[in-house]
Amino acid sequence: MSHVIQHIPEQQKFILSVEGKEAGFIDYLADNNTWDITHTVVDPAFRGQGLARILVDAVIEYAEQNHIRLIAHCDYAESVLRKHQLKAV
């Protein structure tokens, strides 16, 4: 399975495409150097493949590289961030 993640800053969104089809996305609200992940969405046709985790991991990696603090009002993203922070300690 070939996938591509695209960051679209002007839309405050990361999009994940699989084989050229949009499979999911993450929306966030940016406030200075803090991003609030508001939605993690995977198309039903692509669920069960770990794509939501791939998306959240991509946002975490981008945030770490760019010194951005992450918070989440999306339950799924919040649980991944919590696990990631425990591993980072």
N, C-alpha and C. Protein backbone atom coordinates (compact mmCIF):
# COMPACT_ATOMS: atom_id res chain seq x y z
N MET A 1 0.85 -1.18 0.00
CA MET A 1 0.00 0.00 0.00
C MET A 1 0.89 1.24 0.00
N SER A 2 0.78 2.02 -1.04
CA SER A 2 1.56 3.24 -1.18
C SER A 2 0.73 4.43 -0.70
N HIS A 3 1.31 5.21 0.23
CA HIS A 3 0.56 6.37 0.71
C HIS A 3 1.43 7.62 0.68
N VAL A 4 0.75 8.76 0.58
CA VAL A 4 1.40 10.07 0.56
C VAL A 4 0.66 10.97 1.54
N ILE A 5 1.43 11.72 2.34
CA ILE A 5 0.83 12.68 3.26
C ILE A 5 1.21 14.08 2.79
N GLN A 6 0.21 14.92 2.66
CA GLN A 6 0.41 16.29 2.19
C GLN A 6 -0.06 17.25 3.27
N HIS A 7 0.78 18.23 3.60
CA HIS A 7 0.40 19.28 4.55
C HIS A 7 -0.05 20.49 3.75
N ILE A 8 -1.24 20.99 4.07
CA ILE A 8 -1.78 22.18 3.40
C ILE A 8 -1.97 23.25 4.49
N PRO A 9 -0.92 24.04 4.77
CA PRO A 9 -0.98 25.00 5.87
C PRO A 9 -2.12 26.01 5.77
N GLU A 10 -2.42 26.49 4.55
CA GLU A 10 -3.47 27.50 4.43
C GLU A 10 -4.85 26.96 4.78
N GLN A 11 -5.01 25.63 4.77
CA GLN A 11 -6.27 25.00 5.18
C GLN A 11 -6.16 24.37 6.57
N GLN A 12 -4.96 24.46 7.17
CA GLN A 12 -4.69 23.85 8.47
C GLN A 12 -5.12 22.39 8.45
N LYS A 13 -4.49 21.65 7.52
CA LYS A 13 -4.92 20.27 7.27
C LYS A 13 -3.75 19.42 6.77
N PHE A 14 -3.75 18.15 7.17
CA PHE A 14 -2.89 17.13 6.59
C PHE A 14 -3.81 16.14 5.89
N ILE A 15 -3.47 15.77 4.66
CA ILE A 15 -4.28 14.82 3.89
C ILE A 15 -3.43 13.59 3.60
N LEU A 16 -4.02 12.42 3.80
CA LEU A 16 -3.36 11.16 3.48
C LEU A 16 -4.05 10.55 2.26
N SER A 17 -3.25 10.26 1.24
CA SER A 17 -3.78 9.62 0.03
C SER A 17 -3.18 8.23 -0.09
N VAL A 18 -4.00 7.28 -0.51
CA VAL A 18 -3.57 5.91 -0.75
C VAL A 18 -3.85 5.59 -2.20
N GLU A 19 -2.80 5.20 -2.92
CA GLU A 19 -2.94 4.87 -4.34
C GLU A 19 -3.66 6.00 -5.09
N GLY A 20 -3.36 7.26 -4.73
CA GLY A 20 -3.92 8.41 -5.41
C GLY A 20 -5.31 8.85 -4.96
N LYS A 21 -5.89 8.14 -3.99
CA LYS A 21 -7.23 8.49 -3.50
C LYS A 21 -7.12 9.04 -2.08
N GLU A 22 -7.88 10.12 -1.80
CA GLU A 22 -7.87 10.67 -0.44
C GLU A 22 -8.50 9.66 0.51
N ALA A 23 -7.70 9.22 1.48
CA ALA A 23 -8.16 8.20 2.42
C ALA A 23 -8.48 8.78 3.79
N GLY A 24 -7.91 9.94 4.11
CA GLY A 24 -8.17 10.54 5.41
C GLY A 24 -7.51 11.89 5.54
N PHE A 25 -7.84 12.55 6.66
CA PHE A 25 -7.25 13.87 6.89
C PHE A 25 -7.28 14.20 8.38
N ILE A 26 -6.46 15.17 8.73
CA ILE A 26 -6.46 15.77 10.07
C ILE A 26 -6.64 17.26 9.89
N ASP A 27 -7.56 17.83 10.65
CA ASP A 27 -7.73 19.28 10.72
C ASP A 27 -7.13 19.77 12.04
N TYR A 28 -6.57 20.96 12.02
CA TYR A 28 -6.05 21.56 13.25
C TYR A 28 -6.30 23.06 13.23
N LEU A 29 -6.28 23.64 14.41
CA LEU A 29 -6.35 25.09 14.55
C LEU A 29 -5.00 25.57 15.05
N ALA A 30 -4.39 26.48 14.33
CA ALA A 30 -3.07 26.99 14.69
C ALA A 30 -3.20 28.31 15.44
N ASP A 31 -2.49 28.39 16.55
CA ASP A 31 -2.44 29.62 17.34
C ASP A 31 -0.99 29.81 17.76
N ASN A 32 -0.27 30.65 17.01
CA ASN A 32 1.16 30.84 17.20
C ASN A 32 1.86 29.49 17.06
N ASN A 33 2.57 29.05 18.08
CA ASN A 33 3.29 27.78 18.00
C ASN A 33 2.55 26.64 18.68
N THR A 34 1.24 26.75 18.79
CA THR A 34 0.42 25.67 19.33
C THR A 34 -0.63 25.29 18.30
N TRP A 35 -0.72 23.99 18.05
CA TRP A 35 -1.75 23.46 17.16
C TRP A 35 -2.70 22.62 17.98
N ASP A 36 -3.99 22.79 17.73
CA ASP A 36 -5.04 21.99 18.36
C ASP A 36 -5.63 21.08 17.28
N ILE A 37 -5.37 19.78 17.39
CA ILE A 37 -5.93 18.82 16.44
C ILE A 37 -7.42 18.67 16.75
N THR A 38 -8.25 19.03 15.78
CA THR A 38 -9.70 19.03 16.02
C THR A 38 -10.41 17.82 15.43
N HIS A 39 -9.90 17.28 14.34
CA HIS A 39 -10.55 16.13 13.71
C HIS A 39 -9.50 15.20 13.10
N THR A 40 -9.71 13.92 13.27
CA THR A 40 -8.97 12.89 12.54
C THR A 40 -10.03 12.04 11.85
N VAL A 41 -10.00 12.02 10.53
CA VAL A 41 -11.05 11.34 9.76
C VAL A 41 -10.41 10.39 8.76
N VAL A 42 -10.91 9.15 8.73
CA VAL A 42 -10.50 8.17 7.72
C VAL A 42 -11.75 7.69 7.00
N ASP A 43 -11.70 7.71 5.68
CA ASP A 43 -12.82 7.23 4.86
C ASP A 43 -13.14 5.78 5.25
N PRO A 44 -14.42 5.45 5.39
CA PRO A 44 -14.80 4.08 5.79
C PRO A 44 -14.18 2.99 4.92
N ALA A 45 -13.96 3.26 3.65
CA ALA A 45 -13.37 2.26 2.76
C ALA A 45 -11.92 1.94 3.12
N PHE A 46 -11.27 2.81 3.91
CA PHE A 46 -9.86 2.63 4.25
C PHE A 46 -9.64 2.33 5.73
N ARG A 47 -10.70 2.18 6.48
CA ARG A 47 -10.55 1.95 7.92
C ARG A 47 -9.96 0.57 8.21
N GLY A 48 -9.38 0.44 9.40
CA GLY A 48 -8.81 -0.83 9.82
C GLY A 48 -7.41 -1.09 9.29
N GLN A 49 -6.78 -0.07 8.73
CA GLN A 49 -5.44 -0.23 8.15
C GLN A 49 -4.39 0.59 8.89
N GLY A 50 -4.77 1.21 10.00
CA GLY A 50 -3.82 2.00 10.78
C GLY A 50 -3.55 3.38 10.20
N LEU A 51 -4.40 3.84 9.31
CA LEU A 51 -4.15 5.12 8.65
C LEU A 51 -4.31 6.32 9.58
N ALA A 52 -5.23 6.25 10.52
CA ALA A 52 -5.39 7.35 11.48
C ALA A 52 -4.10 7.53 12.27
N ARG A 53 -3.49 6.43 12.67
CA ARG A 53 -2.23 6.51 13.42
C ARG A 53 -1.11 7.07 12.55
N ILE A 54 -1.08 6.67 11.28
CA ILE A 54 -0.08 7.22 10.36
C ILE A 54 -0.23 8.73 10.25
N LEU A 55 -1.46 9.20 10.16
CA LEU A 55 -1.71 10.65 10.08
C LEU A 55 -1.25 11.37 11.34
N VAL A 56 -1.65 10.87 12.50
CA VAL A 56 -1.27 11.53 13.75
C VAL A 56 0.25 11.51 13.92
N ASP A 57 0.88 10.38 13.60
CA ASP A 57 2.34 10.31 13.69
C ASP A 57 3.01 11.32 12.78
N ALA A 58 2.45 11.55 11.60
CA ALA A 58 3.01 12.54 10.67
C ALA A 58 2.91 13.95 11.26
N VAL A 59 1.80 14.25 11.90
CA VAL A 59 1.63 15.57 12.52
C VAL A 59 2.61 15.72 13.69
N ILE A 60 2.76 14.67 14.49
CA ILE A 60 3.71 14.72 15.61
C ILE A 60 5.13 14.97 15.09
N GLU A 61 5.52 14.25 14.05
CA GLU A 61 6.86 14.42 13.48
C GLU A 61 7.06 15.85 12.97
N TYR A 62 6.08 16.37 12.25
CA TYR A 62 6.16 17.74 11.74
C TYR A 62 6.28 18.73 12.90
N ALA A 63 5.46 18.55 13.92
CA ALA A 63 5.47 19.46 15.06
C ALA A 63 6.82 19.43 15.78
N GLU A 64 7.38 18.24 15.96
CA GLU A 64 8.68 18.14 16.63
C GLU A 64 9.76 18.85 15.82
N GLN A 65 9.74 18.67 14.51
CA GLN A 65 10.76 19.28 13.64
C GLN A 65 10.63 20.80 13.59
N ASN A 66 9.43 21.31 13.84
CA ASN A 66 9.17 22.75 13.72
C ASN A 66 8.86 23.43 15.05
N HIS A 67 9.13 22.74 16.15
CA HIS A 67 8.96 23.29 17.50
C HIS A 67 7.54 23.80 17.74
N ILE A 68 6.58 22.97 17.37
CA ILE A 68 5.17 23.30 17.55
C ILE A 68 4.62 22.44 18.68
N ARG A 69 3.89 23.07 19.58
CA ARG A 69 3.25 22.35 20.69
C ARG A 69 1.91 21.82 20.19
N LEU A 70 1.62 20.56 20.50
CA LEU A 70 0.36 19.95 20.07
C LEU A 70 -0.57 19.72 21.24
N ILE A 71 -1.84 20.02 21.02
CA ILE A 71 -2.91 19.62 21.92
C ILE A 71 -4.00 19.03 21.02
N ALA A 72 -4.99 18.38 21.62
CA ALA A 72 -6.02 17.77 20.78
C ALA A 72 -7.39 17.83 21.44
N HIS A 73 -8.37 18.20 20.64
CA HIS A 73 -9.77 18.07 21.04
C HIS A 73 -10.42 16.90 20.30
N CYS A 74 -9.64 16.19 19.54
CA CYS A 74 -10.05 14.95 18.89
C CYS A 74 -9.64 13.81 19.82
N ASP A 75 -10.59 12.99 20.23
CA ASP A 75 -10.30 11.92 21.19
C ASP A 75 -9.20 10.99 20.72
N TYR A 76 -9.24 10.59 19.46
CA TYR A 76 -8.22 9.66 18.96
C TYR A 76 -6.84 10.30 19.01
N ALA A 77 -6.71 11.50 18.48
CA ALA A 77 -5.42 12.18 18.47
C ALA A 77 -4.92 12.42 19.89
N GLU A 78 -5.83 12.75 20.80
CA GLU A 78 -5.44 12.96 22.19
C GLU A 78 -4.84 11.70 22.79
N SER A 79 -5.43 10.54 22.51
CA SER A 79 -4.90 9.29 23.07
C SER A 79 -3.52 8.98 22.49
N VAL A 80 -3.30 9.25 21.21
CA VAL A 80 -1.99 9.01 20.61
C VAL A 80 -0.97 9.98 21.18
N LEU A 81 -1.34 11.24 21.33
CA LEU A 81 -0.41 12.22 21.91
C LEU A 81 -0.02 11.83 23.33
N ARG A 82 -0.98 11.37 24.10
CA ARG A 82 -0.69 10.95 25.47
C ARG A 82 0.33 9.81 25.47
N LYS A 83 0.14 8.81 24.63
CA LYS A 83 1.08 7.68 24.54
C LYS A 83 2.45 8.16 24.08
N HIS A 84 2.47 9.05 23.10
CA HIS A 84 3.73 9.57 22.57
C HIS A 84 4.50 10.33 23.65
N GLN A 85 3.81 11.13 24.44
CA GLN A 85 4.47 11.90 25.50
C GLN A 85 5.04 10.98 26.57
N LEU A 86 4.37 9.89 26.87
CA LEU A 86 4.89 8.94 27.85
C LEU A 86 6.17 8.30 27.34
N LYS A 87 6.25 7.99 26.06
CA LYS A 87 7.45 7.39 25.48
C LYS A 87 8.59 8.40 25.43
N ALA A 88 8.27 9.68 25.28
CA ALA A 88 9.29 10.71 25.15
C ALA A 88 9.95 11.06 26.48
N VAL A 89 9.31 10.71 27.58
CA VAL A 89 9.84 11.08 28.90
C VAL A 89 11.00 10.21 29.28
